[in-house]
Amino acid sequence: NTVSLGTSLNYRSGALPFQKNLNPKNWAPH
């Protein structure tokens, strides 16, 4: 709601709250 409408905002959760990701493949850090 704050950034410019021209901003390329990207989102991925990347990690579960309290446990290791079940899937070893995770593009989020990249």
PDB file of all heavy atoms in Angstrom:
ATOM      1  N   ASN A   1       0.808  -1.214   0.000  1.00  0.00           N
ATOM      2  CA  ASN A   1       0.000   0.000   0.000  1.00  0.00           C
ATOM      3  C   ASN A   1       0.843   1.267   0.000  1.00  0.00           C
ATOM      4  O   ASN A   1       0.308   2.365  -0.205  1.00  0.00           O
ATOM      5  CB  ASN A   1      -0.915   0.029   1.235  1.00  0.00           C
ATOM      6  CG  ASN A   1      -2.127  -0.862   1.084  1.00  0.00           C
ATOM      7  OD1 ASN A   1      -2.586  -1.102  -0.018  1.00  0.00           O
ATOM      8  ND2 ASN A   1      -2.623  -1.358   2.201  1.00  0.00           N
ATOM      9  N   THR A   2       2.154   1.112   0.249  1.00  0.00           N
ATOM     10  CA  THR A   2       3.018   2.276   0.438  1.00  0.00           C
ATOM     11  C   THR A   2       3.915   2.555  -0.759  1.00  0.00           C
ATOM     12  O   THR A   2       4.123   3.712  -1.128  1.00  0.00           O
ATOM     13  CB  THR A   2       3.891   2.075   1.700  1.00  0.00           C
ATOM     14  OG1 THR A   2       3.038   1.872   2.825  1.00  0.00           O
ATOM     15  CG2 THR A   2       4.768   3.284   1.959  1.00  0.00           C
ATOM     16  N   VAL A   3       4.479   1.532  -1.357  1.00  0.00           N
ATOM     17  CA  VAL A   3       5.434   1.753  -2.447  1.00  0.00           C
ATOM     18  C   VAL A   3       4.723   2.230  -3.705  1.00  0.00           C
ATOM     19  O   VAL A   3       3.504   2.097  -3.860  1.00  0.00           O
ATOM     20  CB  VAL A   3       6.238   0.475  -2.753  1.00  0.00           C
ATOM     21  CG1 VAL A   3       7.080   0.083  -1.563  1.00  0.00           C
ATOM     22  CG2 VAL A   3       5.309  -0.674  -3.161  1.00  0.00           C
ATOM     23  N   SER A   4       5.508   2.765  -4.612  1.00  0.00           N
ATOM     24  CA  SER A   4       4.982   3.280  -5.877  1.00  0.00           C
ATOM     25  C   SER A   4       4.277   2.187  -6.676  1.00  0.00           C
ATOM     26  O   SER A   4       4.645   1.001  -6.599  1.00  0.00           O
ATOM     27  CB  SER A   4       6.129   3.856  -6.708  1.00  0.00           C
ATOM     28  OG  SER A   4       5.722   4.105  -8.034  1.00  0.00           O
ATOM     29  N   LEU A   5       3.288   2.574  -7.431  1.00  0.00           N
ATOM     30  CA  LEU A   5       2.586   1.623  -8.290  1.00  0.00           C
ATOM     31  C   LEU A   5       3.494   1.093  -9.391  1.00  0.00           C
ATOM     32  O   LEU A   5       3.195   0.067 -10.011  1.00  0.00           O
ATOM     33  CB  LEU A   5       1.347   2.284  -8.899  1.00  0.00           C
ATOM     34  CG  LEU A   5       0.234   2.643  -7.899  1.00  0.00           C
ATOM     35  CD1 LEU A   5      -0.903   3.384  -8.613  1.00  0.00           C
ATOM     36  CD2 LEU A   5      -0.302   1.385  -7.229  1.00  0.00           C
ATOM     37  N   GLY A   6       4.612   1.767  -9.608  1.00  0.00           N
ATOM     38  CA  GLY A   6       5.569   1.293 -10.601  1.00  0.00           C
ATOM     39  C   GLY A   6       6.634   0.379 -10.027  1.00  0.00           C
ATOM     40  O   GLY A   6       7.491  -0.126 -10.762  1.00  0.00           O
ATOM     41  N   THR A   7       6.580   0.157  -8.730  1.00  0.00           N
ATOM     42  CA  THR A   7       7.565  -0.693  -8.061  1.00  0.00           C
ATOM     43  C   THR A   7       7.277  -2.172  -8.317  1.00  0.00           C
ATOM     44  O   THR A   7       6.134  -2.616  -8.219  1.00  0.00           O
ATOM     45  CB  THR A   7       7.542  -0.419  -6.541  1.00  0.00           C
ATOM     46  OG1 THR A   7       8.003   0.912  -6.313  1.00  0.00           O
ATOM     47  CG2 THR A   7       8.429  -1.400  -5.801  1.00  0.00           C
ATOM     48  N   SER A   8       8.329  -2.920  -8.636  1.00  0.00           N
ATOM     49  CA  SER A   8       8.189  -4.366  -8.865  1.00  0.00           C
ATOM     50  C   SER A   8       8.373  -5.107  -7.541  1.00  0.00           C
ATOM     51  O   SER A   8       9.420  -5.706  -7.271  1.00  0.00           O
ATOM     52  CB  SER A   8       9.213  -4.847  -9.898  1.00  0.00           C
ATOM     53  OG  SER A   8       8.983  -4.231 -11.149  1.00  0.00           O
ATOM     54  N   LEU A   9       7.336  -5.049  -6.720  1.00  0.00           N
ATOM     55  CA  LEU A   9       7.376  -5.692  -5.417  1.00  0.00           C
ATOM     56  C   LEU A   9       7.271  -7.203  -5.587  1.00  0.00           C
ATOM     57  O   LEU A   9       6.385  -7.699  -6.270  1.00  0.00           O
ATOM     58  CB  LEU A   9       6.233  -5.172  -4.539  1.00  0.00           C
ATOM     59  CG  LEU A   9       6.099  -5.784  -3.147  1.00  0.00           C
ATOM     60  CD1 LEU A   9       7.321  -5.486  -2.295  1.00  0.00           C
ATOM     61  CD2 LEU A   9       4.835  -5.263  -2.458  1.00  0.00           C
ATOM     62  N   ASN A  10       8.164  -7.933  -4.928  1.00  0.00           N
ATOM     63  CA  ASN A  10       8.181  -9.385  -5.028  1.00  0.00           C
ATOM     64  C   ASN A  10       8.019  -9.979  -3.637  1.00  0.00           C
ATOM     65  O   ASN A  10       8.450  -9.394  -2.643  1.00  0.00           O
ATOM     66  CB  ASN A  10       9.511  -9.842  -5.645  1.00  0.00           C
ATOM     67  CG  ASN A  10       9.374 -11.164  -6.388  1.00  0.00           C
ATOM     68  OD1 ASN A  10       8.524 -11.988  -6.051  1.00  0.00           O
ATOM     69  ND2 ASN A  10      10.230 -11.367  -7.383  1.00  0.00           N
ATOM     70  N   TYR A  11       7.410 -11.162  -3.562  1.00  0.00           N
ATOM     71  CA  TYR A  11       7.204 -11.811  -2.263  1.00  0.00           C
ATOM     72  C   TYR A  11       7.293 -13.320  -2.383  1.00  0.00           C
ATOM     73  O   TYR A  11       6.754 -13.926  -3.295  1.00  0.00           O
ATOM     74  CB  TYR A  11       5.833 -11.446  -1.686  1.00  0.00           C
ATOM     75  CG  TYR A  11       5.397 -12.388  -0.576  1.00  0.00           C
ATOM     76  CD1 TYR A  11       5.997 -12.342   0.677  1.00  0.00           C
ATOM     77  CD2 TYR A  11       4.411 -13.357  -0.795  1.00  0.00           C
ATOM     78  CE1 TYR A  11       5.629 -13.215   1.690  1.00  0.00           C
ATOM     79  CE2 TYR A  11       4.033 -14.240   0.212  1.00  0.00           C
ATOM     80  CZ  TYR A  11       4.647 -14.174   1.450  1.00  0.00           C
ATOM     81  OH  TYR A  11       4.285 -15.040   2.436  1.00  0.00           O
ATOM     82  N   ARG A  12       7.988 -13.919  -1.454  1.00  0.00           N
ATOM     83  CA  ARG A  12       7.953 -15.352  -1.178  1.00  0.00           C
ATOM     84  C   ARG A  12       8.139 -15.527   0.319  1.00  0.00           C
ATOM     85  O   ARG A  12       8.947 -14.827   0.923  1.00  0.00           O
ATOM     86  CB  ARG A  12       9.064 -16.101  -1.927  1.00  0.00           C
ATOM     87  CG  ARG A  12       8.791 -16.341  -3.403  1.00  0.00           C
ATOM     88  CD  ARG A  12      10.005 -17.014  -4.042  1.00  0.00           C
ATOM     89  NE  ARG A  12       9.742 -17.492  -5.393  1.00  0.00           N
ATOM     90  CZ  ARG A  12       9.787 -16.735  -6.485  1.00  0.00           C
ATOM     91  NH1 ARG A  12      10.080 -15.450  -6.367  1.00  0.00           N
ATOM     92  NH2 ARG A  12       9.544 -17.252  -7.672  1.00  0.00           N
ATOM     93  N   SER A  13       7.455 -16.489   0.898  1.00  0.00           N
ATOM     94  CA  SER A  13       7.627 -16.684   2.341  1.00  0.00           C
ATOM     95  C   SER A  13       9.023 -17.210   2.641  1.00  0.00           C
ATOM     96  O   SER A  13       9.660 -16.804   3.606  1.00  0.00           O
ATOM     97  CB  SER A  13       6.566 -17.628   2.895  1.00  0.00           C
ATOM     98  OG  SER A  13       6.754 -18.943   2.408  1.00  0.00           O
ATOM     99  N   GLY A  14       9.504 -18.168   1.840  1.00  0.00           N
ATOM    100  CA  GLY A  14      10.882 -18.631   1.953  1.00  0.00           C
ATOM    101  C   GLY A  14      11.153 -19.611   3.077  1.00  0.00           C
ATOM    102  O   GLY A  14      12.037 -20.452   2.965  1.00  0.00           O
ATOM    103  N   ALA A  15      10.430 -19.492   4.178  1.00  0.00           N
ATOM    104  CA  ALA A  15      10.671 -20.373   5.325  1.00  0.00           C
ATOM    105  C   ALA A  15       9.378 -20.560   6.102  1.00  0.00           C
ATOM    106  O   ALA A  15       8.557 -19.647   6.198  1.00  0.00           O
ATOM    107  CB  ALA A  15      11.750 -19.787   6.232  1.00  0.00           C
ATOM    108  N   LEU A  16       9.201 -21.761   6.639  1.00  0.00           N
ATOM    109  CA  LEU A  16       8.063 -22.004   7.511  1.00  0.00           C
ATOM    110  C   LEU A  16       8.337 -21.353   8.874  1.00  0.00           C
ATOM    111  O   LEU A  16       9.486 -21.120   9.231  1.00  0.00           O
ATOM    112  CB  LEU A  16       7.846 -23.510   7.676  1.00  0.00           C
ATOM    113  CG  LEU A  16       7.517 -24.266   6.385  1.00  0.00           C
ATOM    114  CD1 LEU A  16       7.550 -25.769   6.632  1.00  0.00           C
ATOM    115  CD2 LEU A  16       6.166 -23.840   5.837  1.00  0.00           C
ATOM    116  N   PRO A  17       7.286 -21.060   9.641  1.00  0.00           N
ATOM    117  CA  PRO A  17       7.532 -20.352  10.911  1.00  0.00           C
ATOM    118  C   PRO A  17       8.475 -21.066  11.867  1.00  0.00           C
ATOM    119  O   PRO A  17       9.438 -20.468  12.372  1.00  0.00           O
ATOM    120  CB  PRO A  17       6.134 -20.217  11.509  1.00  0.00           C
ATOM    121  CG  PRO A  17       5.215 -20.219  10.358  1.00  0.00           C
ATOM    122  CD  PRO A  17       5.840 -21.162   9.377  1.00  0.00           C
ATOM    123  N   PHE A  18       8.225 -22.330  12.146  1.00  0.00           N
ATOM    124  CA  PHE A  18       8.931 -22.963  13.253  1.00  0.00           C
ATOM    125  C   PHE A  18       9.590 -24.292  12.903  1.00  0.00           C
ATOM    126  O   PHE A  18      10.069 -25.000  13.783  1.00  0.00           O
ATOM    127  CB  PHE A  18       7.971 -23.190  14.426  1.00  0.00           C
ATOM    128  CG  PHE A  18       7.240 -21.958  14.852  1.00  0.00           C
ATOM    129  CD1 PHE A  18       5.860 -21.970  15.025  1.00  0.00           C
ATOM    130  CD2 PHE A  18       7.912 -20.768  15.070  1.00  0.00           C
ATOM    131  CE1 PHE A  18       5.179 -20.825  15.417  1.00  0.00           C
ATOM    132  CE2 PHE A  18       7.239 -19.620  15.467  1.00  0.00           C
ATOM    133  CZ  PHE A  18       5.871 -19.649  15.637  1.00  0.00           C
ATOM    134  N   GLN A  19       9.613 -24.657  11.627  1.00  0.00           N
ATOM    135  CA  GLN A  19      10.222 -25.930  11.279  1.00  0.00           C
ATOM    136  C   GLN A  19      10.894 -25.838   9.918  1.00  0.00           C
ATOM    137  O   GLN A  19      10.596 -24.951   9.118  1.00  0.00           O
ATOM    138  CB  GLN A  19       9.174 -27.045  11.253  1.00  0.00           C
ATOM    139  CG  GLN A  19       8.143 -26.925  10.135  1.00  0.00           C
ATOM    140  CD  GLN A  19       7.103 -28.019  10.191  1.00  0.00           C
ATOM    141  OE1 GLN A  19       6.484 -28.222  11.212  1.00  0.00           O
ATOM    142  NE2 GLN A  19       6.920 -28.714   9.076  1.00  0.00           N
ATOM    143  N   LYS A  20      11.785 -26.767   9.689  1.00  0.00           N
ATOM    144  CA  LYS A  20      12.531 -26.803   8.436  1.00  0.00           C
ATOM    145  C   LYS A  20      11.599 -27.074   7.270  1.00  0.00           C
ATOM    146  O   LYS A  20      10.621 -27.817   7.374  1.00  0.00           O
ATOM    147  CB  LYS A  20      13.592 -27.907   8.519  1.00  0.00           C
ATOM    148  CG  LYS A  20      14.534 -27.985   7.337  1.00  0.00           C
ATOM    149  CD  LYS A  20      15.583 -29.067   7.574  1.00  0.00           C
ATOM    150  CE  LYS A  20      16.531 -29.156   6.376  1.00  0.00           C
ATOM    151  NZ  LYS A  20      17.565 -30.203   6.573  1.00  0.00           N
ATOM    152  N   ASN A  21      11.885 -26.420   6.139  1.00  0.00           N
ATOM    153  CA  ASN A  21      11.076 -26.656   4.940  1.00  0.00           C
ATOM    154  C   ASN A  21      11.115 -28.134   4.559  1.00  0.00           C
ATOM    155  O   ASN A  21      12.174 -28.761   4.569  1.00  0.00           O
ATOM    156  CB  ASN A  21      11.598 -25.825   3.765  1.00  0.00           C
ATOM    157  CG  ASN A  21      11.419 -24.332   3.986  1.00  0.00           C
ATOM    158  OD1 ASN A  21      10.872 -23.911   4.997  1.00  0.00           O
ATOM    159  ND2 ASN A  21      11.881 -23.537   3.036  1.00  0.00           N
ATOM    160  N   LEU A  22       9.979 -28.684   4.201  1.00  0.00           N
ATOM    161  CA  LEU A  22       9.904 -30.096   3.825  1.00  0.00           C
ATOM    162  C   LEU A  22      10.484 -30.337   2.438  1.00  0.00           C
ATOM    163  O   LEU A  22      11.017 -31.411   2.154  1.00  0.00           O
ATOM    164  CB  LEU A  22       8.445 -30.561   3.883  1.00  0.00           C
ATOM    165  CG  LEU A  22       7.781 -30.468   5.263  1.00  0.00           C
ATOM    166  CD1 LEU A  22       6.331 -30.928   5.192  1.00  0.00           C
ATOM    167  CD2 LEU A  22       8.555 -31.291   6.285  1.00  0.00           C
ATOM    168  N   ASN A  23      10.391 -29.338   1.589  1.00  0.00           N
ATOM    169  CA  ASN A  23      10.932 -29.444   0.235  1.00  0.00           C
ATOM    170  C   ASN A  23      12.344 -28.855   0.208  1.00  0.00           C
ATOM    171  O   ASN A  23      12.527 -27.677   0.505  1.00  0.00           O
ATOM    172  CB  ASN A  23      10.027 -28.686  -0.736  1.00  0.00           C
ATOM    173  CG  ASN A  23      10.446 -28.862  -2.180  1.00  0.00           C
ATOM    174  OD1 ASN A  23      11.542 -29.338  -2.479  1.00  0.00           O
ATOM    175  ND2 ASN A  23       9.581 -28.464  -3.094  1.00  0.00           N
ATOM    176  N   PRO A  24      13.361 -29.624  -0.136  1.00  0.00           N
ATOM    177  CA  PRO A  24      14.731 -29.099  -0.139  1.00  0.00           C
ATOM    178  C   PRO A  24      14.973 -28.051  -1.223  1.00  0.00           C
ATOM    179  O   PRO A  24      15.942 -27.293  -1.138  1.00  0.00           O
ATOM    180  CB  PRO A  24      15.589 -30.348  -0.377  1.00  0.00           C
ATOM    181  CG  PRO A  24      14.684 -31.297  -1.080  1.00  0.00           C
ATOM    182  CD  PRO A  24      13.308 -31.053  -0.527  1.00  0.00           C
ATOM    183  N   LYS A  25      14.122 -28.026  -2.230  1.00  0.00           N
ATOM    184  CA  LYS A  25      14.265 -27.027  -3.288  1.00  0.00           C
ATOM    185  C   LYS A  25      13.537 -25.746  -2.876  1.00  0.00           C
ATOM    186  O   LYS A  25      12.356 -25.771  -2.565  1.00  0.00           O
ATOM    187  CB  LYS A  25      13.700 -27.551  -4.605  1.00  0.00           C
ATOM    188  CG  LYS A  25      14.486 -28.721  -5.181  1.00  0.00           C
ATOM    189  CD  LYS A  25      13.951 -29.117  -6.545  1.00  0.00           C
ATOM    190  CE  LYS A  25      14.797 -30.241  -7.159  1.00  0.00           C
ATOM    191  NZ  LYS A  25      14.313 -30.638  -8.499  1.00  0.00           N
ATOM    192  N   ASN A  26      14.252 -24.641  -2.871  1.00  0.00           N
ATOM    193  CA  ASN A  26      13.674 -23.381  -2.417  1.00  0.00           C
ATOM    194  C   ASN A  26      14.331 -22.235  -3.176  1.00  0.00           C
ATOM    195  O   ASN A  26      15.503 -21.925  -2.964  1.00  0.00           O
ATOM    196  CB  ASN A  26      13.893 -23.220  -0.902  1.00  0.00           C
ATOM    197  CG  ASN A  26      13.238 -21.961  -0.364  1.00  0.00           C
ATOM    198  OD1 ASN A  26      12.464 -21.303  -1.043  1.00  0.00           O
ATOM    199  ND2 ASN A  26      13.553 -21.621   0.877  1.00  0.00           N
ATOM    200  N   TRP A  27      13.588 -21.620  -4.069  1.00  0.00           N
ATOM    201  CA  TRP A  27      14.149 -20.546  -4.884  1.00  0.00           C
ATOM    202  C   TRP A  27      14.171 -19.205  -4.139  1.00  0.00           C
ATOM    203  O   TRP A  27      14.845 -18.258  -4.545  1.00  0.00           O
ATOM    204  CB  TRP A  27      13.347 -20.389  -6.177  1.00  0.00           C
ATOM    205  CG  TRP A  27      13.960 -19.394  -7.122  1.00  0.00           C
ATOM    206  CD1 TRP A  27      13.498 -18.164  -7.450  1.00  0.00           C
ATOM    207  CD2 TRP A  27      15.181 -19.559  -7.846  1.00  0.00           C
ATOM    208  NE1 TRP A  27      14.338 -17.535  -8.327  1.00  0.00           N
ATOM    209  CE2 TRP A  27      15.386 -18.373  -8.591  1.00  0.00           C
ATOM    210  CE3 TRP A  27      16.132 -20.592  -7.930  1.00  0.00           C
ATOM    211  CZ2 TRP A  27      16.498 -18.191  -9.418  1.00  0.00           C
ATOM    212  CZ3 TRP A  27      17.240 -20.407  -8.750  1.00  0.00           C
ATOM    213  CH2 TRP A  27      17.409 -19.218  -9.482  1.00  0.00           C
ATOM    214  N   ALA A  28      13.451 -19.131  -3.009  1.00  0.00           N
ATOM    215  CA  ALA A  28      13.274 -17.854  -2.321  1.00  0.00           C
ATOM    216  C   ALA A  28      14.587 -17.127  -2.014  1.00  0.00           C
ATOM    217  O   ALA A  28      14.674 -15.905  -2.218  1.00  0.00           O
ATOM    218  CB  ALA A  28      12.458 -18.060  -1.051  1.00  0.00           C
ATOM    219  N   PRO A  29      15.641 -17.779  -1.519  1.00  0.00           N
ATOM    220  CA  PRO A  29      16.877 -17.039  -1.232  1.00  0.00           C
ATOM    221  C   PRO A  29      17.493 -16.398  -2.468  1.00  0.00           C
ATOM    222  O   PRO A  29      18.117 -15.333  -2.375  1.00  0.00           O
ATOM    223  CB  PRO A  29      17.811 -18.109  -0.648  1.00  0.00           C
ATOM    224  CG  PRO A  29      16.919 -19.199  -0.182  1.00  0.00           C
ATOM    225  CD  PRO A  29      15.759 -19.201  -1.119  1.00  0.00           C
ATOM    226  N   HIS A  30      17.303 -17.041  -3.619  1.00  0.00           N
ATOM    227  CA  HIS A  30      17.912 -16.538  -4.852  1.00  0.00           C
ATOM    228  C   HIS A  30      17.296 -15.217  -5.302  1.00  0.00           C
ATOM    229  O   HIS A  30      17.935 -14.446  -6.025  1.00  0.00           O
ATOM    230  CB  HIS A  30      17.779 -17.574  -5.967  1.00  0.00           C
ATOM    231  CG  HIS A  30      18.477 -18.862  -5.675  1.00  0.00           C
ATOM    232  ND1 HIS A  30      19.787 -19.100  -6.021  1.00  0.00           N
ATOM    233  CD2 HIS A  30      18.038 -19.994  -5.048  1.00  0.00           C
ATOM    234  CE1 HIS A  30      20.145 -20.315  -5.640  1.00  0.00           C
ATOM    235  NE2 HIS A  30      19.091 -20.883  -5.042  1.00  0.00           N
TER     236      HIS A  30
END
